[in-house]
Amino acid sequence: MKSINEKVEDRGYKTYRALLTQSSTSAPVATVIENSIGTLVWAYSSTGVYTATLVGAFTNATTVLISNDDIDGIAGAVKTSADVVTVTTGTAATTAANGILDGATIEIKVEL
């Protein structure tokens, strides 16, 4: 059986997959499904804006996807620096809002 590091090398990228839940002004809580990137620190930044930070984790080409078919609103995610991925949420009218993440799936892939 291969170690997780060998599998990552075979794939050519590291990945982080988790389910995110957030309410009020709390940081998102991540239920991690897969993680070969490292420990991300989730924080609340402002209404509808949350960050995942890990110094130097996102220096290579990075793809960030977020989805949740069961939310009453919108959610997006983007790499904002070599250290940070930012998640934003809002209402269908695009007004920033908290409490939109309720089991949203986030996937971050970083090329080796």
PDB file of N, CA and C in Angstrom:
ATOM      1  N   MET A   1       0.837  -1.177   0.000  1.00  0.00           N
ATOM      2  CA  MET A   1       0.000   0.000   0.000  1.00  0.00           C
ATOM      3  C   MET A   1       0.886   1.247   0.000  1.00  0.00           C
ATOM      4  N   LYS A   2       0.540   2.231  -0.810  1.00  0.00           N
ATOM      5  CA  LYS A   2       1.305   3.468  -0.904  1.00  0.00           C
ATOM      6  C   LYS A   2       0.950   4.396   0.249  1.00  0.00           C
ATOM      7  N   SER A   3       1.936   5.196   0.648  1.00  0.00           N
ATOM      8  CA  SER A   3       1.660   6.208   1.668  1.00  0.00           C
ATOM      9  C   SER A   3       0.900   7.362   1.024  1.00  0.00           C
ATOM     10  N   ILE A   4       0.311   8.234   1.838  1.00  0.00           N
ATOM     11  CA  ILE A   4      -0.415   9.386   1.306  1.00  0.00           C
ATOM     12  C   ILE A   4       0.505  10.272   0.481  1.00  0.00           C
ATOM     13  N   ASN A   5       1.773  10.418   0.887  1.00  0.00           N
ATOM     14  CA  ASN A   5       2.710  11.247   0.134  1.00  0.00           C
ATOM     15  C   ASN A   5       2.978  10.676  -1.256  1.00  0.00           C
ATOM     16  N   GLU A   6       3.092   9.359  -1.365  1.00  0.00           N
ATOM     17  CA  GLU A   6       3.277   8.754  -2.682  1.00  0.00           C
ATOM     18  C   GLU A   6       2.052   8.975  -3.553  1.00  0.00           C
ATOM     19  N   LYS A   7       0.877   8.886  -2.991  1.00  0.00           N
ATOM     20  CA  LYS A   7      -0.336   9.117  -3.754  1.00  0.00           C
ATOM     21  C   LYS A   7      -0.403  10.558  -4.245  1.00  0.00           C
ATOM     22  N   VAL A   8      -0.028  11.506  -3.405  1.00  0.00           N
ATOM     23  CA  VAL A   8      -0.008  12.918  -3.790  1.00  0.00           C
ATOM     24  C   VAL A   8       0.954  13.120  -4.955  1.00  0.00           C
ATOM     25  N   GLU A   9       2.137  12.542  -4.870  1.00  0.00           N
ATOM     26  CA  GLU A   9       3.115  12.683  -5.946  1.00  0.00           C
ATOM     27  C   GLU A   9       2.605  12.067  -7.241  1.00  0.00           C
ATOM     28  N   ASP A  10       1.931  10.936  -7.146  1.00  0.00           N
ATOM     29  CA  ASP A  10       1.362  10.299  -8.332  1.00  0.00           C
ATOM     30  C   ASP A  10       0.301  11.190  -8.979  1.00  0.00           C
ATOM     31  N   ARG A  11      -0.489  11.872  -8.167  1.00  0.00           N
ATOM     32  CA  ARG A  11      -1.543  12.745  -8.681  1.00  0.00           C
ATOM     33  C   ARG A  11      -0.988  14.031  -9.274  1.00  0.00           C
ATOM     34  N   GLY A  12       0.094  14.531  -8.718  1.00  0.00           N
ATOM     35  CA  GLY A  12       0.655  15.786  -9.190  1.00  0.00           C
ATOM     36  C   GLY A  12       0.101  17.011  -8.490  1.00  0.00           C
ATOM     37  N   TYR A  13      -0.715  16.819  -7.451  1.00  0.00           N
ATOM     38  CA  TYR A  13      -1.250  17.946  -6.689  1.00  0.00           C
ATOM     39  C   TYR A  13      -1.590  17.510  -5.270  1.00  0.00           C
ATOM     40  N   LYS A  14      -1.631  18.491  -4.379  1.00  0.00           N
ATOM     41  CA  LYS A  14      -2.119  18.287  -3.023  1.00  0.00           C
ATOM     42  C   LYS A  14      -3.582  18.726  -3.004  1.00  0.00           C
ATOM     43  N   THR A  15      -4.352  18.165  -2.088  1.00  0.00           N
ATOM     44  CA  THR A  15      -5.765  18.528  -2.046  1.00  0.00           C
ATOM     45  C   THR A  15      -6.278  18.671  -0.612  1.00  0.00           C
ATOM     46  N   TYR A  16      -7.280  19.534  -0.476  1.00  0.00           N
ATOM     47  CA  TYR A  16      -8.000  19.726   0.784  1.00  0.00           C
ATOM     48  C   TYR A  16      -9.472  19.694   0.431  1.00  0.00           C
ATOM     49  N   ARG A  17     -10.204  18.758   1.010  1.00  0.00           N
ATOM     50  CA  ARG A  17     -11.653  18.680   0.808  1.00  0.00           C
ATOM     51  C   ARG A  17     -12.306  18.647   2.177  1.00  0.00           C
ATOM     52  N   ALA A  18     -13.316  19.500   2.346  1.00  0.00           N
ATOM     53  CA  ALA A  18     -13.995  19.568   3.635  1.00  0.00           C
ATOM     54  C   ALA A  18     -15.423  20.061   3.455  1.00  0.00           C
ATOM     55  N   LEU A  19     -16.241  19.802   4.470  1.00  0.00           N
ATOM     56  CA  LEU A  19     -17.578  20.357   4.548  1.00  0.00           C
ATOM     57  C   LEU A  19     -17.505  21.531   5.517  1.00  0.00           C
ATOM     58  N   LEU A  20     -18.009  22.690   5.101  1.00  0.00           N
ATOM     59  CA  LEU A  20     -17.957  23.899   5.920  1.00  0.00           C
ATOM     60  C   LEU A  20     -19.333  24.262   6.452  1.00  0.00           C
ATOM     61  N   THR A  21     -19.366  24.647   7.715  1.00  0.00           N
ATOM     62  CA  THR A  21     -20.578  25.157   8.335  1.00  0.00           C
ATOM     63  C   THR A  21     -20.197  26.438   9.063  1.00  0.00           C
ATOM     64  N   GLN A  22     -21.078  27.450   8.987  1.00  0.00           N
ATOM     65  CA  GLN A  22     -20.775  28.730   9.616  1.00  0.00           C
ATOM     66  C   GLN A  22     -22.064  29.389  10.066  1.00  0.00           C
ATOM     67  N   SER A  23     -22.032  30.062  11.235  1.00  0.00           N
ATOM     68  CA  SER A  23     -23.196  30.806  11.707  1.00  0.00           C
ATOM     69  C   SER A  23     -22.754  32.058  12.448  1.00  0.00           C
ATOM     70  N   SER A  24     -23.634  33.038  12.464  1.00  0.00           N
ATOM     71  CA  SER A  24     -23.410  34.313  13.146  1.00  0.00           C
ATOM     72  C   SER A  24     -22.053  34.889  12.732  1.00  0.00           C
ATOM     73  N   THR A  25     -21.218  35.248  13.700  1.00  0.00           N
ATOM     74  CA  THR A  25     -19.900  35.805  13.364  1.00  0.00           C
ATOM     75  C   THR A  25     -18.779  34.832  13.734  1.00  0.00           C
ATOM     76  N   SER A  26     -19.105  33.558  13.737  1.00  0.00           N
ATOM     77  CA  SER A  26     -18.107  32.527  14.035  1.00  0.00           C
ATOM     78  C   SER A  26     -17.303  32.182  12.796  1.00  0.00           C
ATOM     79  N   ALA A  27     -16.093  31.699  13.018  1.00  0.00           N
ATOM     80  CA  ALA A  27     -15.289  31.168  11.917  1.00  0.00           C
ATOM     81  C   ALA A  27     -15.957  29.904  11.397  1.00  0.00           C
ATOM     82  N   PRO A  28     -15.783  29.595  10.116  1.00  0.00           N
ATOM     83  CA  PRO A  28     -16.322  28.334   9.603  1.00  0.00           C
ATOM     84  C   PRO A  28     -15.726  27.140  10.355  1.00  0.00           C
ATOM     85  N   VAL A  29     -16.529  26.121  10.518  1.00  0.00           N
ATOM     86  CA  VAL A  29     -16.068  24.861  11.090  1.00  0.00           C
ATOM     87  C   VAL A  29     -15.937  23.884   9.933  1.00  0.00           C
ATOM     88  N   ALA A  30     -14.762  23.287   9.804  1.00  0.00           N
ATOM     89  CA  ALA A  30     -14.496  22.364   8.701  1.00  0.00           C
ATOM     90  C   ALA A  30     -14.512  20.927   9.194  1.00  0.00           C
ATOM     91  N   THR A  31     -15.305  20.098   8.521  1.00  0.00           N
ATOM     92  CA  THR A  31     -15.241  18.659   8.712  1.00  0.00           C
ATOM     93  C   THR A  31     -14.398  18.151   7.553  1.00  0.00           C
ATOM     94  N   VAL A  32     -13.142  17.838   7.831  1.00  0.00           N
ATOM     95  CA  VAL A  32     -12.175  17.514   6.784  1.00  0.00           C
ATOM     96  C   VAL A  32     -12.387  16.098   6.276  1.00  0.00           C
ATOM     97  N   ILE A  33     -12.466  15.984   4.953  1.00  0.00           N
ATOM     98  CA  ILE A  33     -12.640  14.696   4.288  1.00  0.00           C
ATOM     99  C   ILE A  33     -11.283  14.173   3.813  1.00  0.00           C
ATOM    100  N   GLU A  34     -10.478  15.075   3.261  1.00  0.00           N
ATOM    101  CA  GLU A  34      -9.146  14.718   2.755  1.00  0.00           C
ATOM    102  C   GLU A  34      -8.250  15.943   2.903  1.00  0.00           C
ATOM    103  N   ASN A  35      -7.001  15.716   3.324  1.00  0.00           N
ATOM    104  CA  ASN A  35      -6.095  16.850   3.480  1.00  0.00           C
ATOM    105  C   ASN A  35      -4.646  16.419   3.323  1.00  0.00           C
ATOM    106  N   SER A  36      -4.041  16.801   2.210  1.00  0.00           N
ATOM    107  CA  SER A  36      -2.610  16.585   2.018  1.00  0.00           C
ATOM    108  C   SER A  36      -1.882  17.925   1.884  1.00  0.00           C
ATOM    109  N   ILE A  37      -2.601  19.036   2.147  1.00  0.00           N
ATOM    110  CA  ILE A  37      -2.018  20.384   2.072  1.00  0.00           C
ATOM    111  C   ILE A  37      -1.392  20.781   3.401  1.00  0.00           C
ATOM    112  N   GLY A  38      -2.092  20.537   4.488  1.00  0.00           N
ATOM    113  CA  GLY A  38      -1.644  20.945   5.814  1.00  0.00           C
ATOM    114  C   GLY A  38      -2.829  21.497   6.587  1.00  0.00           C
ATOM    115  N   THR A  39      -2.593  21.924   7.811  1.00  0.00           N
ATOM    116  CA  THR A  39      -3.671  22.400   8.667  1.00  0.00           C
ATOM    117  C   THR A  39      -4.038  23.840   8.328  1.00  0.00           C
ATOM    118  N   LEU A  40      -5.238  24.027   7.798  1.00  0.00           N
ATOM    119  CA  LEU A  40      -5.730  25.363   7.478  1.00  0.00           C
ATOM    120  C   LEU A  40      -6.377  25.961   8.719  1.00  0.00           C
ATOM    121  N   VAL A  41      -6.153  27.258   8.937  1.00  0.00           N
ATOM    122  CA  VAL A  41      -6.782  27.971  10.044  1.00  0.00           C
ATOM    123  C   VAL A  41      -7.911  28.807   9.460  1.00  0.00           C
ATOM    124  N   TRP A  42      -9.156  28.488   9.842  1.00  0.00           N
ATOM    125  CA  TRP A  42     -10.329  29.196   9.340  1.00  0.00           C
ATOM    126  C   TRP A  42     -10.646  30.368  10.251  1.00  0.00           C
ATOM    127  N   ALA A  43     -11.018  31.511   9.650  1.00  0.00           N
ATOM    128  CA  ALA A  43     -11.335  32.711  10.424  1.00  0.00           C
ATOM    129  C   ALA A  43     -12.503  33.466   9.796  1.00  0.00           C
ATOM    130  N   TYR A  44     -13.225  34.191  10.638  1.00  0.00           N
ATOM    131  CA  TYR A  44     -14.267  35.112  10.195  1.00  0.00           C
ATOM    132  C   TYR A  44     -13.582  36.448   9.946  1.00  0.00           C
ATOM    133  N   SER A  45     -13.789  37.034   8.772  1.00  0.00           N
ATOM    134  CA  SER A  45     -13.170  38.311   8.438  1.00  0.00           C
ATOM    135  C   SER A  45     -14.167  39.461   8.570  1.00  0.00           C
ATOM    136  N   SER A  46     -15.315  39.323   7.924  1.00  0.00           N
ATOM    137  CA  SER A  46     -16.399  40.303   7.998  1.00  0.00           C
ATOM    138  C   SER A  46     -17.660  39.610   7.503  1.00  0.00           C
ATOM    139  N   THR A  47     -18.774  40.321   7.478  1.00  0.00           N
ATOM    140  CA  THR A  47     -20.022  39.705   7.052  1.00  0.00           C
ATOM    141  C   THR A  47     -19.855  39.021   5.697  1.00  0.00           C
ATOM    142  N   GLY A  48     -20.067  37.710   5.671  1.00  0.00           N
ATOM    143  CA  GLY A  48     -19.991  36.941   4.439  1.00  0.00           C
ATOM    144  C   GLY A  48     -18.594  36.703   3.904  1.00  0.00           C
ATOM    145  N   VAL A  49     -17.552  36.981   4.697  1.00  0.00           N
ATOM    146  CA  VAL A  49     -16.163  36.798   4.233  1.00  0.00           C
ATOM    147  C   VAL A  49     -15.385  36.004   5.276  1.00  0.00           C
ATOM    148  N   TYR A  50     -14.764  34.906   4.820  1.00  0.00           N
ATOM    149  CA  TYR A  50     -14.034  33.992   5.686  1.00  0.00           C
ATOM    150  C   TYR A  50     -12.715  33.638   5.014  1.00  0.00           C
ATOM    151  N   THR A  51     -11.693  33.364   5.818  1.00  0.00           N
ATOM    152  CA  THR A  51     -10.397  33.021   5.240  1.00  0.00           C
ATOM    153  C   THR A  51      -9.891  31.694   5.782  1.00  0.00           C
ATOM    154  N   ALA A  52      -9.137  31.012   4.930  1.00  0.00           N
ATOM    155  CA  ALA A  52      -8.395  29.821   5.316  1.00  0.00           C
ATOM    156  C   ALA A  52      -6.933  30.172   5.100  1.00  0.00           C
ATOM    157  N   THR A  53      -6.129  30.064   6.155  1.00  0.00           N
ATOM    158  CA  THR A  53      -4.734  30.491   6.084  1.00  0.00           C
ATOM    159  C   THR A  53      -3.795  29.344   6.409  1.00  0.00           C
ATOM    160  N   LEU A  54      -2.727  29.251   5.624  1.00  0.00           N
ATOM    161  CA  LEU A  54      -1.598  28.359   5.880  1.00  0.00           C
ATOM    162  C   LEU A  54      -0.418  28.960   5.133  1.00  0.00           C
ATOM    163  N   VAL A  55       0.572  29.430   5.863  1.00  0.00           N
ATOM    164  CA  VAL A  55       1.693  30.151   5.275  1.00  0.00           C
ATOM    165  C   VAL A  55       2.368  29.326   4.186  1.00  0.00           C
ATOM    166  N   GLY A  56       2.458  29.930   2.987  1.00  0.00           N
ATOM    167  CA  GLY A  56       3.157  29.339   1.854  1.00  0.00           C
ATOM    168  C   GLY A  56       2.472  28.157   1.202  1.00  0.00           C
ATOM    169  N   ALA A  57       1.230  27.860   1.575  1.00  0.00           N
ATOM    170  CA  ALA A  57       0.554  26.669   1.051  1.00  0.00           C
ATOM    171  C   ALA A  57       0.087  26.817  -0.384  1.00  0.00           C
ATOM    172  N   PHE A  58      -0.158  28.044  -0.842  1.00  0.00           N
ATOM    173  CA  PHE A  58      -0.799  28.259  -2.131  1.00  0.00           C
ATOM    174  C   PHE A  58       0.124  28.970  -3.116  1.00  0.00           C
ATOM    175  N   THR A  59       1.419  28.643  -3.069  1.00  0.00           N
ATOM    176  CA  THR A  59       2.387  29.312  -3.939  1.00  0.00           C
ATOM    177  C   THR A  59       2.310  28.827  -5.378  1.00  0.00           C
ATOM    178  N   ASN A  60       1.970  27.576  -5.601  1.00  0.00           N
ATOM    179  CA  ASN A  60       1.848  27.046  -6.965  1.00  0.00           C
ATOM    180  C   ASN A  60       0.437  27.284  -7.487  1.00  0.00           C
ATOM    181  N   ALA A  61       0.204  26.869  -8.730  1.00  0.00           N
ATOM    182  CA  ALA A  61      -1.138  27.009  -9.308  1.00  0.00           C
ATOM    183  C   ALA A  61      -2.146  26.353  -8.367  1.00  0.00           C
ATOM    184  N   THR A  62      -3.199  27.092  -8.038  1.00  0.00           N
ATOM    185  CA  THR A  62      -4.186  26.639  -7.069  1.00  0.00           C
ATOM    186  C   THR A  62      -5.586  26.779  -7.645  1.00  0.00           C
ATOM    187  N   THR A  63      -6.373  25.722  -7.502  1.00  0.00           N
ATOM    188  CA  THR A  63      -7.776  25.740  -7.915  1.00  0.00           C
ATOM    189  C   THR A  63      -8.630  25.632  -6.663  1.00  0.00           C
ATOM    190  N   VAL A  64      -9.632  26.500  -6.544  1.00  0.00           N
ATOM    191  CA  VAL A  64     -10.519  26.477  -5.385  1.00  0.00           C
ATOM    192  C   VAL A  64     -11.958  26.377  -5.871  1.00  0.00           C
ATOM    193  N   LEU A  65     -12.664  25.386  -5.386  1.00  0.00           N
ATOM    194  CA  LEU A  65     -14.071  25.189  -5.745  1.00  0.00           C
ATOM    195  C   LEU A  65     -14.903  25.103  -4.482  1.00  0.00           C
ATOM    196  N   ILE A  66     -16.074  25.707  -4.497  1.00  0.00           N
ATOM    197  CA  ILE A  66     -17.000  25.566  -3.375  1.00  0.00           C
ATOM    198  C   ILE A  66     -18.389  25.347  -3.946  1.00  0.00           C
ATOM    199  N   SER A  67     -19.137  24.434  -3.330  1.00  0.00           N
ATOM    200  CA  SER A  67     -20.484  24.177  -3.820  1.00  0.00           C
ATOM    201  C   SER A  67     -21.379  23.736  -2.676  1.00  0.00           C
ATOM    202  N   ASN A  68     -22.641  24.028  -2.816  1.00  0.00           N
ATOM    203  CA  ASN A  68     -23.653  23.573  -1.880  1.00  0.00           C
ATOM    204  C   ASN A  68     -24.991  23.736  -2.567  1.00  0.00           C
ATOM    205  N   ASP A  69     -25.584  22.648  -2.945  1.00  0.00           N
ATOM    206  CA  ASP A  69     -26.846  22.684  -3.674  1.00  0.00           C
ATOM    207  C   ASP A  69     -28.034  23.057  -2.798  1.00  0.00           C
ATOM    208  N   ASP A  70     -27.864  23.010  -1.484  1.00  0.00           N
ATOM    209  CA  ASP A  70     -28.994  23.195  -0.583  1.00  0.00           C
ATOM    210  C   ASP A  70     -28.994  24.533   0.148  1.00  0.00           C
ATOM    211  N   ILE A  71     -28.271  25.528  -0.345  1.00  0.00           N
ATOM    212  CA  ILE A  71     -28.239  26.805   0.355  1.00  0.00           C
ATOM    213  C   ILE A  71     -29.153  27.823  -0.296  1.00  0.00           C
ATOM    214  N   ASP A  72     -29.637  28.739   0.500  1.00  0.00           N
ATOM    215  CA  ASP A  72     -30.443  29.844  -0.005  1.00  0.00           C
ATOM    216  C   ASP A  72     -29.533  31.050  -0.157  1.00  0.00           C
ATOM    217  N   GLY A  73     -28.654  30.995  -1.105  1.00  0.00           N
ATOM    218  CA  GLY A  73     -27.706  32.081  -1.315  1.00  0.00           C
ATOM    219  C   GLY A  73     -26.613  31.647  -2.259  1.00  0.00           C
ATOM    220  N   ILE A  74     -25.527  32.395  -2.230  1.00  0.00           N
ATOM    221  CA  ILE A  74     -24.406  32.103  -3.103  1.00  0.00           C
ATOM    222  C   ILE A  74     -23.130  31.992  -2.278  1.00  0.00           C
ATOM    223  N   ALA A  75     -22.173  31.257  -2.793  1.00  0.00           N
ATOM    224  CA  ALA A  75     -20.885  31.114  -2.124  1.00  0.00           C
ATOM    225  C   ALA A  75     -19.817  31.037  -3.197  1.00  0.00           C
ATOM    226  N   GLY A  76     -18.700  31.667  -2.945  1.00  0.00           N
ATOM    227  CA  GLY A  76     -17.575  31.625  -3.869  1.00  0.00           C
ATOM    228  C   GLY A  76     -16.280  31.514  -3.091  1.00  0.00           C
ATOM    229  N   ALA A  77     -15.232  31.046  -3.745  1.00  0.00           N
ATOM    230  CA  ALA A  77     -13.936  30.906  -3.089  1.00  0.00           C
ATOM    231  C   ALA A  77     -12.839  31.170  -4.100  1.00  0.00           C
ATOM    232  N   VAL A  78     -11.751  31.799  -3.632  1.00  0.00           N
ATOM    233  CA  VAL A  78     -10.649  32.156  -4.510  1.00  0.00           C
ATOM    234  C   VAL A  78      -9.349  32.221  -3.707  1.00  0.00           C
ATOM    235  N   LYS A  79      -8.247  31.893  -4.346  1.00  0.00           N
ATOM    236  CA  LYS A  79      -6.927  32.085  -3.749  1.00  0.00           C
ATOM    237  C   LYS A  79      -6.659  33.585  -3.769  1.00  0.00           C
ATOM    238  N   THR A  80      -6.369  34.183  -2.602  1.00  0.00           N
ATOM    239  CA  THR A  80      -6.118  35.616  -2.554  1.00  0.00           C
ATOM    240  C   THR A  80      -4.646  35.950  -2.321  1.00  0.00           C
ATOM    241  N   SER A  81      -3.851  34.958  -1.914  1.00  0.00           N
ATOM    242  CA  SER A  81      -2.409  35.141  -1.775  1.00  0.00           C
ATOM    243  C   SER A  81      -1.761  33.773  -1.647  1.00  0.00           C
ATOM    244  N   ALA A  82      -0.455  33.756  -1.504  1.00  0.00           N
ATOM    245  CA  ALA A  82       0.258  32.491  -1.315  1.00  0.00           C
ATOM    246  C   ALA A  82      -0.094  31.839   0.016  1.00  0.00           C
ATOM    247  N   ASP A  83      -0.716  32.612   0.919  1.00  0.00           N
ATOM    248  CA  ASP A  83      -1.041  32.124   2.253  1.00  0.00           C
ATOM    249  C   ASP A  83      -2.534  31.976   2.533  1.00  0.00           C
ATOM    250  N   VAL A  84      -3.395  32.553   1.666  1.00  0.00           N
ATOM    251  CA  VAL A  84      -4.809  32.683   2.019  1.00  0.00           C
ATOM    252  C   VAL A  84      -5.739  32.292   0.871  1.00  0.00           C
ATOM    253  N   VAL A  85      -6.800  31.566   1.238  1.00  0.00           N
ATOM    254  CA  VAL A  85      -7.954  31.340   0.371  1.00  0.00           C
ATOM    255  C   VAL A  85      -9.116  32.065   1.039  1.00  0.00           C
ATOM    256  N   THR A  86      -9.892  32.831   0.252  1.00  0.00           N
ATOM    257  CA  THR A  86     -11.012  33.592   0.794  1.00  0.00           C
ATOM    258  C   THR A  86     -12.327  33.031   0.279  1.00  0.00           C
ATOM    259  N   VAL A  87     -13.258  32.811   1.189  1.00  0.00           N
ATOM    260  CA  VAL A  87     -14.606  32.343   0.868  1.00  0.00           C
ATOM    261  C   VAL A  87     -15.564  33.500   1.131  1.00  0.00           C
ATOM    262  N   THR A  88     -16.462  33.762   0.181  1.00  0.00           N
ATOM    263  CA  THR A  88     -17.476  34.800   0.358  1.00  0.00           C
ATOM    264  C   THR A  88     -18.859  34.187   0.197  1.00  0.00           C
ATOM    265  N   THR A  89     -19.810  34.704   0.967  1.00  0.00           N
ATOM    266  CA  THR A  89     -21.184  34.216   0.888  1.00  0.00           C
ATOM    267  C   THR A  89     -22.152  35.394   0.893  1.00  0.00           C
ATOM    268  N   GLY A  90     -23.305  35.164   0.296  1.00  0.00           N
ATOM    269  CA  GLY A  90     -24.312  36.215   0.270  1.00  0.00           C
ATOM    270  C   GLY A  90     -25.667  35.669  -0.111  1.00  0.00           C
ATOM    271  N   THR A  91     -26.632  36.561  -0.132  1.00  0.00           N
ATOM    272  CA  THR A  91     -27.992  36.195  -0.509  1.00  0.00           C
ATOM    273  C   THR A  91     -28.081  36.114  -2.030  1.00  0.00           C
ATOM    274  N   ALA A  92     -29.181  35.614  -2.509  1.00  0.00           N
ATOM    275  CA  ALA A  92     -29.396  35.536  -3.958  1.00  0.00           C
ATOM    276  C   ALA A  92     -29.365  36.920  -4.589  1.00  0.00           C
ATOM    277  N   ALA A  93     -29.620  37.954  -3.787  1.00  0.00           N
ATOM    278  CA  ALA A  93     -29.563  39.336  -4.274  1.00  0.00           C
ATOM    279  C   ALA A  93     -28.137  39.883  -4.166  1.00  0.00           C
ATOM    280  N   THR A  94     -27.193  39.028  -3.892  1.00  0.00           N
ATOM    281  CA  THR A  94     -25.755  39.325  -3.788  1.00  0.00           C
ATOM    282  C   THR A  94     -25.382  40.257  -2.642  1.00  0.00           C
ATOM    283  N   THR A  95     -26.200  40.295  -1.603  1.00  0.00           N
ATOM    284  CA  THR A  95     -25.851  41.039  -0.396  1.00  0.00           C
ATOM    285  C   THR A  95     -25.041  40.111   0.504  1.00  0.00           C
ATOM    286  N   ALA A  96     -23.884  40.567   0.991  1.00  0.00           N
ATOM    287  CA  ALA A  96     -23.065  39.742   1.871  1.00  0.00           C
ATOM    288  C   ALA A  96     -23.883  39.278   3.066  1.00  0.00           C
ATOM    289  N   ALA A  97     -23.736  38.003   3.418  1.00  0.00           N
ATOM    290  CA  ALA A  97     -24.516  37.443   4.525  1.00  0.00           C
ATOM    291  C   ALA A  97     -23.761  36.316   5.200  1.00  0.00           C
ATOM    292  N   ASN A  98     -23.975  36.181   6.502  1.00  0.00           N
ATOM    293  CA  ASN A  98     -23.439  35.062   7.277  1.00  0.00           C
ATOM    294  C   ASN A  98     -24.468  33.940   7.289  1.00  0.00           C
ATOM    295  N   GLY A  99     -24.046  32.766   7.763  1.00  0.00           N
ATOM    296  CA  GLY A  99     -24.961  31.648   7.939  1.00  0.00           C
ATOM    297  C   GLY A  99     -25.365  30.952   6.655  1.00  0.00           C
ATOM    298  N   ILE A 100     -24.696  31.244   5.562  1.00  0.00           N
ATOM    299  CA  ILE A 100     -25.010  30.607   4.269  1.00  0.00           C
ATOM    300  C   ILE A 100     -24.358  29.224   4.178  1.00  0.00           C
ATOM    301  N   LEU A 101     -23.171  29.081   4.755  1.00  0.00           N
ATOM    302  CA  LEU A 101     -22.461  27.802   4.692  1.00  0.00           C
ATOM    303  C   LEU A 101     -23.100  26.828   5.673  1.00  0.00           C
ATOM    304  N   ASP A 102     -23.681  25.787   5.157  1.00  0.00           N
ATOM    305  CA  ASP A 102     -24.306  24.765   5.983  1.00  0.00           C
ATOM    306  C   ASP A 102     -24.033  23.419   5.341  1.00  0.00           C
ATOM    307  N   GLY A 103     -22.811  22.948   5.514  1.00  0.00           N
ATOM    308  CA  GLY A 103     -22.399  21.713   4.868  1.00  0.00           C
ATOM    309  C   GLY A 103     -21.896  21.933   3.453  1.00  0.00           C
ATOM    310  N   ALA A 104     -21.475  23.170   3.153  1.00  0.00           N
ATOM    311  CA  ALA A 104     -20.922  23.461   1.822  1.00  0.00           C
ATOM    312  C   ALA A 104     -19.635  22.675   1.619  1.00  0.00           C
ATOM    313  N   THR A 105     -19.410  22.198   0.434  1.00  0.00           N
ATOM    314  CA  THR A 105     -18.197  21.457   0.112  1.00  0.00           C
ATOM    315  C   THR A 105     -17.169  22.405  -0.467  1.00  0.00           C
ATOM    316  N   ILE A 106     -15.957  22.377   0.100  1.00  0.00           N
ATOM    317  CA  ILE A 106     -14.861  23.148  -0.469  1.00  0.00           C
ATOM    318  C   ILE A 106     -13.771  22.169  -0.883  1.00  0.00           C
ATOM    319  N   GLU A 107     -13.176  22.424  -2.049  1.00  0.00           N
ATOM    320  CA  GLU A 107     -12.053  21.624  -2.516  1.00  0.00           C
ATOM    321  C   GLU A 107     -10.981  22.571  -3.004  1.00  0.00           C
ATOM    322  N   ILE A 108      -9.778  22.403  -2.486  1.00  0.00           N
ATOM    323  CA  ILE A 108      -8.622  23.208  -2.869  1.00  0.00           C
ATOM    324  C   ILE A 108      -7.570  22.246  -3.409  1.00  0.00           C
ATOM    325  N   LYS A 109      -7.081  22.514  -4.621  1.00  0.00           N
ATOM    326  CA  LYS A 109      -6.033  21.701  -5.215  1.00  0.00           C
ATOM    327  C   LYS A 109      -4.837  22.600  -5.500  1.00  0.00           C
ATOM    328  N   VAL A 110      -3.653  22.152  -5.078  1.00  0.00           N
ATOM    329  CA  VAL A 110      -2.417  22.897  -5.291  1.00  0.00           C
ATOM    330  C   VAL A 110      -1.458  21.993  -6.061  1.00  0.00           C
ATOM    331  N   GLU A 111      -1.025  22.447  -7.247  1.00  0.00           N
ATOM    332  CA  GLU A 111      -0.088  21.671  -8.042  1.00  0.00           C
ATOM    333  C   GLU A 111       1.239  21.539  -7.308  1.00  0.00           C
ATOM    334  N   LEU A 112       1.879  20.396  -7.493  1.00  0.00           N
ATOM    335  CA  LEU A 112       3.200  20.169  -6.877  1.00  0.00           C
ATOM    336  C   LEU A 112       4.270  20.924  -7.624  1.00  0.00           C
TER     337      LEU A 112
END
